[in-house]
mmCIF file of all heavy atoms, coordinates in Angstrom:
data_MODEL
# 
_entry.id   MODEL 
# 
loop_
_atom_site.group_PDB 
_atom_site.id 
_atom_site.type_symbol 
_atom_site.label_atom_id 
_atom_site.label_alt_id 
_atom_site.label_comp_id 
_atom_site.label_asym_id 
_atom_site.label_entity_id 
_atom_site.label_seq_id 
_atom_site.pdbx_PDB_ins_code 
_atom_site.Cartn_x 
_atom_site.Cartn_y 
_atom_site.Cartn_z 
_atom_site.occupancy 
_atom_site.B_iso_or_equiv 
_atom_site.pdbx_formal_charge 
_atom_site.auth_seq_id 
_atom_site.auth_comp_id 
_atom_site.auth_asym_id 
_atom_site.auth_atom_id 
_atom_site.pdbx_PDB_model_num 
ATOM 1   N N   . THR A 1 1  ? 203.777 139.459 36.078 1.00 0.00 ? 1  THR A N   1 
ATOM 2   C CA  . THR A 1 1  ? 204.374 140.454 36.977 1.00 0.00 ? 1  THR A CA  1 
ATOM 3   C C   . THR A 1 1  ? 203.952 141.859 36.589 1.00 0.00 ? 1  THR A C   1 
ATOM 4   O O   . THR A 1 1  ? 203.634 142.692 37.454 1.00 0.00 ? 1  THR A O   1 
ATOM 5   C CB  . THR A 1 1  ? 205.901 140.324 36.960 1.00 0.00 ? 1  THR A CB  1 
ATOM 6   O OG1 . THR A 1 1  ? 206.270 139.109 37.618 1.00 0.00 ? 1  THR A OG1 1 
ATOM 7   C CG2 . THR A 1 1  ? 206.576 141.489 37.669 1.00 0.00 ? 1  THR A CG2 1 
ATOM 8   N N   . LEU A 1 2  ? 203.959 142.164 35.296 1.00 0.00 ? 2  LEU A N   1 
ATOM 9   C CA  . LEU A 1 2  ? 203.567 143.500 34.859 1.00 0.00 ? 2  LEU A CA  1 
ATOM 10  C C   . LEU A 1 2  ? 202.119 143.797 35.248 1.00 0.00 ? 2  LEU A C   1 
ATOM 11  O O   . LEU A 1 2  ? 201.798 144.908 35.700 1.00 0.00 ? 2  LEU A O   1 
ATOM 12  C CB  . LEU A 1 2  ? 203.746 143.628 33.345 1.00 0.00 ? 2  LEU A CB  1 
ATOM 13  C CG  . LEU A 1 2  ? 205.191 143.785 32.868 1.00 0.00 ? 2  LEU A CG  1 
ATOM 14  C CD1 . LEU A 1 2  ? 205.280 143.624 31.349 1.00 0.00 ? 2  LEU A CD1 1 
ATOM 15  C CD2 . LEU A 1 2  ? 205.764 145.145 33.286 1.00 0.00 ? 2  LEU A CD2 1 
ATOM 16  N N   . ALA A 1 3  ? 201.224 142.809 35.093 1.00 0.00 ? 3  ALA A N   1 
ATOM 17  C CA  . ALA A 1 3  ? 199.828 143.015 35.478 1.00 0.00 ? 3  ALA A CA  1 
ATOM 18  C C   . ALA A 1 3  ? 199.714 143.282 36.975 1.00 0.00 ? 3  ALA A C   1 
ATOM 19  O O   . ALA A 1 3  ? 198.993 144.184 37.422 1.00 0.00 ? 3  ALA A O   1 
ATOM 20  C CB  . ALA A 1 3  ? 198.989 141.793 35.085 1.00 0.00 ? 3  ALA A CB  1 
ATOM 21  N N   . TRP A 1 4  ? 200.434 142.501 37.758 1.00 0.00 ? 4  TRP A N   1 
ATOM 22  C CA  . TRP A 1 4  ? 200.415 142.687 39.213 1.00 0.00 ? 4  TRP A CA  1 
ATOM 23  C C   . TRP A 1 4  ? 200.961 144.063 39.592 1.00 0.00 ? 4  TRP A C   1 
ATOM 24  O O   . TRP A 1 4  ? 200.391 144.763 40.436 1.00 0.00 ? 4  TRP A O   1 
ATOM 25  C CB  . TRP A 1 4  ? 201.236 141.586 39.868 1.00 0.00 ? 4  TRP A CB  1 
ATOM 26  C CG  . TRP A 1 4  ? 201.528 141.818 41.318 1.00 0.00 ? 4  TRP A CG  1 
ATOM 27  C CD1 . TRP A 1 4  ? 202.695 142.255 41.865 1.00 0.00 ? 4  TRP A CD1 1 
ATOM 28  C CD2 . TRP A 1 4  ? 200.619 141.657 42.415 1.00 0.00 ? 4  TRP A CD2 1 
ATOM 29  N NE1 . TRP A 1 4  ? 202.581 142.359 43.230 1.00 0.00 ? 4  TRP A NE1 1 
ATOM 30  C CE2 . TRP A 1 4  ? 201.316 142.006 43.594 1.00 0.00 ? 4  TRP A CE2 1 
ATOM 31  C CE3 . TRP A 1 4  ? 199.294 141.248 42.512 1.00 0.00 ? 4  TRP A CE3 1 
ATOM 32  C CZ2 . TRP A 1 4  ? 200.718 141.956 44.842 1.00 0.00 ? 4  TRP A CZ2 1 
ATOM 33  C CZ3 . TRP A 1 4  ? 198.706 141.206 43.766 1.00 0.00 ? 4  TRP A CZ3 1 
ATOM 34  C CH2 . TRP A 1 4  ? 199.416 141.552 44.911 1.00 0.00 ? 4  TRP A CH2 1 
ATOM 35  N N   . GLU A 1 5  ? 202.054 144.459 38.967 1.00 0.00 ? 5  GLU A N   1 
ATOM 36  C CA  . GLU A 1 5  ? 202.674 145.731 39.313 1.00 0.00 ? 5  GLU A CA  1 
ATOM 37  C C   . GLU A 1 5  ? 201.817 146.923 38.892 1.00 0.00 ? 5  GLU A C   1 
ATOM 38  O O   . GLU A 1 5  ? 201.871 147.977 39.518 1.00 0.00 ? 5  GLU A O   1 
ATOM 39  C CB  . GLU A 1 5  ? 204.060 145.833 38.674 1.00 0.00 ? 5  GLU A CB  1 
ATOM 40  C CG  . GLU A 1 5  ? 205.097 144.908 39.297 1.00 0.00 ? 5  GLU A CG  1 
ATOM 41  C CD  . GLU A 1 5  ? 205.431 145.261 40.739 1.00 0.00 ? 5  GLU A CD  1 
ATOM 42  O OE1 . GLU A 1 5  ? 205.235 146.440 41.135 1.00 0.00 ? 5  GLU A OE1 1 
ATOM 43  O OE2 . GLU A 1 5  ? 205.866 144.372 41.485 1.00 0.00 ? 5  GLU A OE2 1 
ATOM 44  N N   . ILE A 1 6  ? 201.047 146.770 37.823 1.00 0.00 ? 6  ILE A N   1 
ATOM 45  C CA  . ILE A 1 6  ? 200.124 147.839 37.421 1.00 0.00 ? 6  ILE A CA  1 
ATOM 46  C C   . ILE A 1 6  ? 199.111 148.080 38.529 1.00 0.00 ? 6  ILE A C   1 
ATOM 47  O O   . ILE A 1 6  ? 198.870 149.228 38.942 1.00 0.00 ? 6  ILE A O   1 
ATOM 48  C CB  . ILE A 1 6  ? 199.437 147.475 36.096 1.00 0.00 ? 6  ILE A CB  1 
ATOM 49  C CG1 . ILE A 1 6  ? 200.420 147.672 34.930 1.00 0.00 ? 6  ILE A CG1 1 
ATOM 50  C CG2 . ILE A 1 6  ? 198.172 148.312 35.871 1.00 0.00 ? 6  ILE A CG2 1 
ATOM 51  C CD1 . ILE A 1 6  ? 199.974 147.049 33.637 1.00 0.00 ? 6  ILE A CD1 1 
ATOM 52  N N   . HIS A 1 7  ? 198.515 147.015 39.020 1.00 0.00 ? 7  HIS A N   1 
ATOM 53  C CA  . HIS A 1 7  ? 197.550 147.171 40.116 1.00 0.00 ? 7  HIS A CA  1 
ATOM 54  C C   . HIS A 1 7  ? 198.236 147.722 41.365 1.00 0.00 ? 7  HIS A C   1 
ATOM 55  O O   . HIS A 1 7  ? 197.693 148.595 42.049 1.00 0.00 ? 7  HIS A O   1 
ATOM 56  C CB  . HIS A 1 7  ? 196.883 145.829 40.421 1.00 0.00 ? 7  HIS A CB  1 
ATOM 57  C CG  . HIS A 1 7  ? 195.869 145.418 39.404 1.00 0.00 ? 7  HIS A CG  1 
ATOM 58  N ND1 . HIS A 1 7  ? 194.692 146.099 39.211 1.00 0.00 ? 7  HIS A ND1 1 
ATOM 59  C CD2 . HIS A 1 7  ? 195.855 144.386 38.511 1.00 0.00 ? 7  HIS A CD2 1 
ATOM 60  C CE1 . HIS A 1 7  ? 193.980 145.517 38.261 1.00 0.00 ? 7  HIS A CE1 1 
ATOM 61  N NE2 . HIS A 1 7  ? 194.661 144.468 37.817 1.00 0.00 ? 7  HIS A NE2 1 
ATOM 62  N N   . ARG A 1 8  ? 199.412 147.218 41.675 1.00 0.00 ? 8  ARG A N   1 
ATOM 63  C CA  . ARG A 1 8  ? 200.107 147.682 42.879 1.00 0.00 ? 8  ARG A CA  1 
ATOM 64  C C   . ARG A 1 8  ? 200.440 149.170 42.779 1.00 0.00 ? 8  ARG A C   1 
ATOM 65  O O   . ARG A 1 8  ? 200.281 149.923 43.751 1.00 0.00 ? 8  ARG A O   1 
ATOM 66  C CB  . ARG A 1 8  ? 201.396 146.876 43.089 1.00 0.00 ? 8  ARG A CB  1 
ATOM 67  C CG  . ARG A 1 8  ? 202.099 147.201 44.413 1.00 0.00 ? 8  ARG A CG  1 
ATOM 68  C CD  . ARG A 1 8  ? 203.058 146.099 44.794 1.00 0.00 ? 8  ARG A CD  1 
ATOM 69  N NE  . ARG A 1 8  ? 204.295 146.172 44.054 1.00 0.00 ? 8  ARG A NE  1 
ATOM 70  C CZ  . ARG A 1 8  ? 205.397 146.797 44.505 1.00 0.00 ? 8  ARG A CZ  1 
ATOM 71  N NH1 . ARG A 1 8  ? 205.384 147.394 45.684 1.00 0.00 ? 8  ARG A NH1 1 
ATOM 72  N NH2 . ARG A 1 8  ? 206.491 146.802 43.802 1.00 0.00 ? 8  ARG A NH2 1 
ATOM 73  N N   . PHE A 1 9  ? 200.904 149.605 41.606 1.00 0.00 ? 9  PHE A N   1 
ATOM 74  C CA  . PHE A 1 9  ? 201.257 151.011 41.404 1.00 0.00 ? 9  PHE A CA  1 
ATOM 75  C C   . PHE A 1 9  ? 200.071 151.915 41.708 1.00 0.00 ? 9  PHE A C   1 
ATOM 76  O O   . PHE A 1 9  ? 200.189 152.897 42.461 1.00 0.00 ? 9  PHE A O   1 
ATOM 77  C CB  . PHE A 1 9  ? 201.729 151.220 39.962 1.00 0.00 ? 9  PHE A CB  1 
ATOM 78  C CG  . PHE A 1 9  ? 202.063 152.650 39.620 1.00 0.00 ? 9  PHE A CG  1 
ATOM 79  C CD1 . PHE A 1 9  ? 203.333 153.155 39.855 1.00 0.00 ? 9  PHE A CD1 1 
ATOM 80  C CD2 . PHE A 1 9  ? 201.102 153.477 39.058 1.00 0.00 ? 9  PHE A CD2 1 
ATOM 81  C CE1 . PHE A 1 9  ? 203.644 154.472 39.540 1.00 0.00 ? 9  PHE A CE1 1 
ATOM 82  C CE2 . PHE A 1 9  ? 201.400 154.797 38.737 1.00 0.00 ? 9  PHE A CE2 1 
ATOM 83  C CZ  . PHE A 1 9  ? 202.678 155.296 38.975 1.00 0.00 ? 9  PHE A CZ  1 
ATOM 84  N N   . PHE A 1 10 ? 198.928 151.606 41.132 1.00 0.00 ? 10 PHE A N   1 
ATOM 85  C CA  . PHE A 1 10 ? 197.770 152.478 41.315 1.00 0.00 ? 10 PHE A CA  1 
ATOM 86  C C   . PHE A 1 10 ? 197.141 152.318 42.695 1.00 0.00 ? 10 PHE A C   1 
ATOM 87  O O   . PHE A 1 10 ? 196.721 153.309 43.316 1.00 0.00 ? 10 PHE A O   1 
ATOM 88  C CB  . PHE A 1 10 ? 196.739 152.221 40.217 1.00 0.00 ? 10 PHE A CB  1 
ATOM 89  C CG  . PHE A 1 10 ? 197.169 152.731 38.864 1.00 0.00 ? 10 PHE A CG  1 
ATOM 90  C CD1 . PHE A 1 10 ? 197.323 151.858 37.804 1.00 0.00 ? 10 PHE A CD1 1 
ATOM 91  C CD2 . PHE A 1 10 ? 197.428 154.075 38.668 1.00 0.00 ? 10 PHE A CD2 1 
ATOM 92  C CE1 . PHE A 1 10 ? 197.722 152.316 36.553 1.00 0.00 ? 10 PHE A CE1 1 
ATOM 93  C CE2 . PHE A 1 10 ? 197.833 154.546 37.429 1.00 0.00 ? 10 PHE A CE2 1 
ATOM 94  C CZ  . PHE A 1 10 ? 197.980 153.664 36.368 1.00 0.00 ? 10 PHE A CZ  1 
ATOM 95  N N   . GLN A 1 11 ? 197.084 151.105 43.208 1.00 0.00 ? 11 GLN A N   1 
ATOM 96  C CA  . GLN A 1 11 ? 196.470 150.896 44.519 1.00 0.00 ? 11 GLN A CA  1 
ATOM 97  C C   . GLN A 1 11 ? 197.260 151.597 45.611 1.00 0.00 ? 11 GLN A C   1 
ATOM 98  O O   . GLN A 1 11 ? 196.676 152.171 46.548 1.00 0.00 ? 11 GLN A O   1 
ATOM 99  C CB  . GLN A 1 11 ? 196.354 149.400 44.817 1.00 0.00 ? 11 GLN A CB  1 
ATOM 100 C CG  . GLN A 1 11 ? 195.351 148.659 43.938 1.00 0.00 ? 11 GLN A CG  1 
ATOM 101 C CD  . GLN A 1 11 ? 193.914 149.089 44.167 1.00 0.00 ? 11 GLN A CD  1 
ATOM 102 O OE1 . GLN A 1 11 ? 193.532 149.454 45.283 1.00 0.00 ? 11 GLN A OE1 1 
ATOM 103 N NE2 . GLN A 1 11 ? 193.112 149.058 43.115 1.00 0.00 ? 11 GLN A NE2 1 
ATOM 104 N N   . GLU A 1 12 ? 198.577 151.569 45.514 1.00 0.00 ? 12 GLU A N   1 
ATOM 105 C CA  . GLU A 1 12 ? 199.405 152.234 46.526 1.00 0.00 ? 12 GLU A CA  1 
ATOM 106 C C   . GLU A 1 12 ? 199.264 153.748 46.468 1.00 0.00 ? 12 GLU A C   1 
ATOM 107 O O   . GLU A 1 12 ? 199.629 154.437 47.424 1.00 0.00 ? 12 GLU A O   1 
ATOM 108 C CB  . GLU A 1 12 ? 200.873 151.834 46.345 1.00 0.00 ? 12 GLU A CB  1 
ATOM 109 C CG  . GLU A 1 12 ? 201.160 150.387 46.747 1.00 0.00 ? 12 GLU A CG  1 
ATOM 110 C CD  . GLU A 1 12 ? 202.616 150.016 46.565 1.00 0.00 ? 12 GLU A CD  1 
ATOM 111 O OE1 . GLU A 1 12 ? 203.367 150.804 45.927 1.00 0.00 ? 12 GLU A OE1 1 
ATOM 112 O OE2 . GLU A 1 12 ? 203.018 148.938 47.043 1.00 0.00 ? 12 GLU A OE2 1 
ATOM 113 N N   . ARG A 1 13 ? 198.737 154.272 45.363 1.00 0.00 ? 13 ARG A N   1 
ATOM 114 C CA  . ARG A 1 13 ? 198.552 155.718 45.220 1.00 0.00 ? 13 ARG A CA  1 
ATOM 115 C C   . ARG A 1 13 ? 197.100 156.134 45.384 1.00 0.00 ? 13 ARG A C   1 
ATOM 116 O O   . ARG A 1 13 ? 196.730 157.259 45.056 1.00 0.00 ? 13 ARG A O   1 
ATOM 117 C CB  . ARG A 1 13 ? 199.106 156.169 43.855 1.00 0.00 ? 13 ARG A CB  1 
ATOM 118 C CG  . ARG A 1 13 ? 200.631 156.145 43.818 1.00 0.00 ? 13 ARG A CG  1 
ATOM 119 C CD  . ARG A 1 13 ? 201.178 156.095 42.404 1.00 0.00 ? 13 ARG A CD  1 
ATOM 120 N NE  . ARG A 1 13 ? 202.643 156.119 42.415 1.00 0.00 ? 13 ARG A NE  1 
ATOM 121 C CZ  . ARG A 1 13 ? 203.406 155.064 42.689 1.00 0.00 ? 13 ARG A CZ  1 
ATOM 122 N NH1 . ARG A 1 13 ? 202.844 153.897 42.979 1.00 0.00 ? 13 ARG A NH1 1 
ATOM 123 N NH2 . ARG A 1 13 ? 204.724 155.167 42.682 1.00 0.00 ? 13 ARG A NH2 1 
ATOM 124 N N   . GLY A 1 14 ? 196.284 155.214 45.886 1.00 0.00 ? 14 GLY A N   1 
ATOM 125 C CA  . GLY A 1 14 ? 194.906 155.556 46.212 1.00 0.00 ? 14 GLY A CA  1 
ATOM 126 C C   . GLY A 1 14 ? 193.948 155.587 45.039 1.00 0.00 ? 14 GLY A C   1 
ATOM 127 O O   . GLY A 1 14 ? 192.860 156.172 45.150 1.00 0.00 ? 14 GLY A O   1 
ATOM 128 N N   . PHE A 1 15 ? 194.286 154.968 43.923 1.00 0.00 ? 15 PHE A N   1 
ATOM 129 C CA  . PHE A 1 15 ? 193.389 154.930 42.774 1.00 0.00 ? 15 PHE A CA  1 
ATOM 130 C C   . PHE A 1 15 ? 192.318 153.857 42.973 1.00 0.00 ? 15 PHE A C   1 
ATOM 131 O O   . PHE A 1 15 ? 192.582 152.798 43.553 1.00 0.00 ? 15 PHE A O   1 
ATOM 132 C CB  . PHE A 1 15 ? 194.168 154.618 41.489 1.00 0.00 ? 15 PHE A CB  1 
ATOM 133 C CG  . PHE A 1 15 ? 194.877 155.803 40.880 1.00 0.00 ? 15 PHE A CG  1 
ATOM 134 C CD1 . PHE A 1 15 ? 195.931 156.419 41.536 1.00 0.00 ? 15 PHE A CD1 1 
ATOM 135 C CD2 . PHE A 1 15 ? 194.492 156.286 39.638 1.00 0.00 ? 15 PHE A CD2 1 
ATOM 136 C CE1 . PHE A 1 15 ? 196.591 157.493 40.976 1.00 0.00 ? 15 PHE A CE1 1 
ATOM 137 C CE2 . PHE A 1 15 ? 195.145 157.358 39.065 1.00 0.00 ? 15 PHE A CE2 1 
ATOM 138 C CZ  . PHE A 1 15 ? 196.199 157.975 39.725 1.00 0.00 ? 15 PHE A CZ  1 
ATOM 139 N N   . LEU A 1 16 ? 191.127 154.131 42.459 1.00 0.00 ? 16 LEU A N   1 
ATOM 140 C CA  . LEU A 1 16 ? 190.020 153.175 42.487 1.00 0.00 ? 16 LEU A CA  1 
ATOM 141 C C   . LEU A 1 16 ? 190.005 152.392 41.172 1.00 0.00 ? 16 LEU A C   1 
ATOM 142 O O   . LEU A 1 16 ? 190.043 152.978 40.091 1.00 0.00 ? 16 LEU A O   1 
ATOM 143 C CB  . LEU A 1 16 ? 188.697 153.912 42.659 1.00 0.00 ? 16 LEU A CB  1 
ATOM 144 C CG  . LEU A 1 16 ? 187.445 153.044 42.763 1.00 0.00 ? 16 LEU A CG  1 
ATOM 145 C CD1 . LEU A 1 16 ? 187.312 152.470 44.159 1.00 0.00 ? 16 LEU A CD1 1 
ATOM 146 C CD2 . LEU A 1 16 ? 186.198 153.856 42.392 1.00 0.00 ? 16 LEU A CD2 1 
ATOM 147 N N   . TYR A 1 17 ? 189.955 151.070 41.266 1.00 0.00 ? 17 TYR A N   1 
ATOM 148 C CA  . TYR A 1 17 ? 189.905 150.216 40.075 1.00 0.00 ? 17 TYR A CA  1 
ATOM 149 C C   . TYR A 1 17 ? 188.461 150.123 39.607 1.00 0.00 ? 17 TYR A C   1 
ATOM 150 O O   . TYR A 1 17 ? 187.585 149.662 40.338 1.00 0.00 ? 17 TYR A O   1 
ATOM 151 C CB  . TYR A 1 17 ? 190.468 148.832 40.426 1.00 0.00 ? 17 TYR A CB  1 
ATOM 152 C CG  . TYR A 1 17 ? 190.455 147.823 39.302 1.00 0.00 ? 17 TYR A CG  1 
ATOM 153 C CD1 . TYR A 1 17 ? 190.625 148.195 37.975 1.00 0.00 ? 17 TYR A CD1 1 
ATOM 154 C CD2 . TYR A 1 17 ? 190.289 146.468 39.586 1.00 0.00 ? 17 TYR A CD2 1 
ATOM 155 C CE1 . TYR A 1 17 ? 190.624 147.258 36.957 1.00 0.00 ? 17 TYR A CE1 1 
ATOM 156 C CE2 . TYR A 1 17 ? 190.296 145.511 38.584 1.00 0.00 ? 17 TYR A CE2 1 
ATOM 157 C CZ  . TYR A 1 17 ? 190.460 145.907 37.265 1.00 0.00 ? 17 TYR A CZ  1 
ATOM 158 O OH  . TYR A 1 17 ? 190.466 144.972 36.264 1.00 0.00 ? 17 TYR A OH  1 
ATOM 159 N N   . VAL A 1 18 ? 188.199 150.549 38.368 1.00 0.00 ? 18 VAL A N   1 
ATOM 160 C CA  . VAL A 1 18 ? 186.853 150.591 37.817 1.00 0.00 ? 18 VAL A CA  1 
ATOM 161 C C   . VAL A 1 18 ? 186.733 149.609 36.658 1.00 0.00 ? 18 VAL A C   1 
ATOM 162 O O   . VAL A 1 18 ? 187.572 149.606 35.749 1.00 0.00 ? 18 VAL A O   1 
ATOM 163 C CB  . VAL A 1 18 ? 186.504 152.012 37.318 1.00 0.00 ? 18 VAL A CB  1 
ATOM 164 C CG1 . VAL A 1 18 ? 185.102 152.031 36.711 1.00 0.00 ? 18 VAL A CG1 1 
ATOM 165 C CG2 . VAL A 1 18 ? 186.609 153.014 38.447 1.00 0.00 ? 18 VAL A CG2 1 
ATOM 166 N N   . HIS A 1 19 ? 185.694 148.784 36.693 1.00 0.00 ? 19 HIS A N   1 
ATOM 167 C CA  . HIS A 1 19 ? 185.410 147.876 35.581 1.00 0.00 ? 19 HIS A CA  1 
ATOM 168 C C   . HIS A 1 19 ? 184.496 148.591 34.592 1.00 0.00 ? 19 HIS A C   1 
ATOM 169 O O   . HIS A 1 19 ? 183.288 148.686 34.810 1.00 0.00 ? 19 HIS A O   1 
ATOM 170 C CB  . HIS A 1 19 ? 184.749 146.590 36.088 1.00 0.00 ? 19 HIS A CB  1 
ATOM 171 C CG  . HIS A 1 19 ? 185.628 145.806 36.999 1.00 0.00 ? 19 HIS A CG  1 
ATOM 172 N ND1 . HIS A 1 19 ? 185.253 145.436 38.268 1.00 0.00 ? 19 HIS A ND1 1 
ATOM 173 C CD2 . HIS A 1 19 ? 186.881 145.326 36.835 1.00 0.00 ? 19 HIS A CD2 1 
ATOM 174 C CE1 . HIS A 1 19 ? 186.240 144.756 38.844 1.00 0.00 ? 19 HIS A CE1 1 
ATOM 175 N NE2 . HIS A 1 19 ? 187.228 144.683 37.986 1.00 0.00 ? 19 HIS A NE2 1 
ATOM 176 N N   . THR A 1 20 ? 185.050 149.095 33.524 1.00 0.00 ? 20 THR A N   1 
ATOM 177 C CA  . THR A 1 20 ? 184.257 149.796 32.524 1.00 0.00 ? 20 THR A CA  1 
ATOM 178 C C   . THR A 1 20 ? 183.637 148.794 31.554 1.00 0.00 ? 20 THR A C   1 
ATOM 179 O O   . THR A 1 20 ? 184.135 147.684 31.390 1.00 0.00 ? 20 THR A O   1 
ATOM 180 C CB  . THR A 1 20 ? 185.128 150.809 31.771 1.00 0.00 ? 20 THR A CB  1 
ATOM 181 O OG1 . THR A 1 20 ? 186.297 150.146 31.266 1.00 0.00 ? 20 THR A OG1 1 
ATOM 182 C CG2 . THR A 1 20 ? 185.555 151.933 32.690 1.00 0.00 ? 20 THR A CG2 1 
ATOM 183 N N   . PRO A 1 21 ? 182.538 149.173 30.900 1.00 0.00 ? 21 PRO A N   1 
ATOM 184 C CA  . PRO A 1 21 ? 181.799 148.206 30.075 1.00 0.00 ? 21 PRO A CA  1 
ATOM 185 C C   . PRO A 1 21 ? 182.570 147.748 28.838 1.00 0.00 ? 21 PRO A C   1 
ATOM 186 O O   . PRO A 1 21 ? 183.324 148.506 28.239 1.00 0.00 ? 21 PRO A O   1 
ATOM 187 C CB  . PRO A 1 21 ? 180.522 148.962 29.685 1.00 0.00 ? 21 PRO A CB  1 
ATOM 188 C CG  . PRO A 1 21 ? 180.832 150.396 29.888 1.00 0.00 ? 21 PRO A CG  1 
ATOM 189 C CD  . PRO A 1 21 ? 181.855 150.467 30.971 1.00 0.00 ? 21 PRO A CD  1 
ATOM 190 N N   . ILE A 1 22 ? 182.333 146.498 28.458 1.00 0.00 ? 22 ILE A N   1 
ATOM 191 C CA  . ILE A 1 22 ? 182.903 145.941 27.232 1.00 0.00 ? 22 ILE A CA  1 
ATOM 192 C C   . ILE A 1 22 ? 181.965 146.216 26.059 1.00 0.00 ? 22 ILE A C   1 
ATOM 193 O O   . ILE A 1 22 ? 182.413 146.393 24.926 1.00 0.00 ? 22 ILE A O   1 
ATOM 194 C CB  . ILE A 1 22 ? 183.170 144.438 27.410 1.00 0.00 ? 22 ILE A CB  1 
ATOM 195 C CG1 . ILE A 1 22 ? 184.349 144.237 28.365 1.00 0.00 ? 22 ILE A CG1 1 
ATOM 196 C CG2 . ILE A 1 22 ? 183.440 143.749 26.076 1.00 0.00 ? 22 ILE A CG2 1 
ATOM 197 C CD1 . ILE A 1 22 ? 184.637 142.794 28.707 1.00 0.00 ? 22 ILE A CD1 1 
ATOM 198 N N   . ILE A 1 23 ? 180.664 146.282 26.311 1.00 0.00 ? 23 ILE A N   1 
ATOM 199 C CA  . ILE A 1 23 ? 179.699 146.629 25.279 1.00 0.00 ? 23 ILE A CA  1 
ATOM 200 C C   . ILE A 1 23 ? 179.356 148.103 25.421 1.00 0.00 ? 23 ILE A C   1 
ATOM 201 O O   . ILE A 1 23 ? 179.034 148.576 26.517 1.00 0.00 ? 23 ILE A O   1 
ATOM 202 C CB  . ILE A 1 23 ? 178.434 145.764 25.395 1.00 0.00 ? 23 ILE A CB  1 
ATOM 203 C CG1 . ILE A 1 23 ? 178.791 144.285 25.184 1.00 0.00 ? 23 ILE A CG1 1 
ATOM 204 C CG2 . ILE A 1 23 ? 177.386 146.207 24.390 1.00 0.00 ? 23 ILE A CG2 1 
ATOM 205 C CD1 . ILE A 1 23 ? 177.622 143.348 25.403 1.00 0.00 ? 23 ILE A CD1 1 
ATOM 206 N N   . THR A 1 24 ? 179.414 148.838 24.322 1.00 0.00 ? 24 THR A N   1 
ATOM 207 C CA  . THR A 1 24 ? 179.219 150.282 24.375 1.00 0.00 ? 24 THR A CA  1 
ATOM 208 C C   . THR A 1 24 ? 178.470 150.751 23.135 1.00 0.00 ? 24 THR A C   1 
ATOM 209 O O   . THR A 1 24 ? 178.420 150.045 22.126 1.00 0.00 ? 24 THR A O   1 
ATOM 210 C CB  . THR A 1 24 ? 180.573 151.010 24.481 1.00 0.00 ? 24 THR A CB  1 
ATOM 211 O OG1 . THR A 1 24 ? 180.366 152.418 24.524 1.00 0.00 ? 24 THR A OG1 1 
ATOM 212 C CG2 . THR A 1 24 ? 181.463 150.696 23.291 1.00 0.00 ? 24 THR A CG2 1 
ATOM 213 N N   . THR A 1 25 ? 177.909 151.943 23.197 1.00 0.00 ? 25 THR A N   1 
ATOM 214 C CA  . THR A 1 25 ? 177.236 152.533 22.035 1.00 0.00 ? 25 THR A CA  1 
ATOM 215 C C   . THR A 1 25 ? 178.040 153.671 21.435 1.00 0.00 ? 25 THR A C   1 
ATOM 216 O O   . THR A 1 25 ? 177.595 154.320 20.498 1.00 0.00 ? 25 THR A O   1 
ATOM 217 C CB  . THR A 1 25 ? 175.849 153.065 22.423 1.00 0.00 ? 25 THR A CB  1 
ATOM 218 O OG1 . THR A 1 25 ? 175.992 154.013 23.484 1.00 0.00 ? 25 THR A OG1 1 
ATOM 219 C CG2 . THR A 1 25 ? 174.944 151.937 22.876 1.00 0.00 ? 25 THR A CG2 1 
ATOM 220 N N   . GLY A 1 26 ? 179.240 153.927 21.956 1.00 0.00 ? 26 GLY A N   1 
ATOM 221 C CA  . GLY A 1 26 ? 180.059 155.023 21.463 1.00 0.00 ? 26 GLY A CA  1 
ATOM 222 C C   . GLY A 1 26 ? 181.433 154.558 21.011 1.00 0.00 ? 26 GLY A C   1 
ATOM 223 O O   . GLY A 1 26 ? 181.873 153.453 21.316 1.00 0.00 ? 26 GLY A O   1 
# 
């Protein structure tokens, strides 16, 4: 439920969901 509500909270406010990289150099 918490995971679902996190997405719902941001999606209802017009936020874009971005998949950021798991492998990084920084």
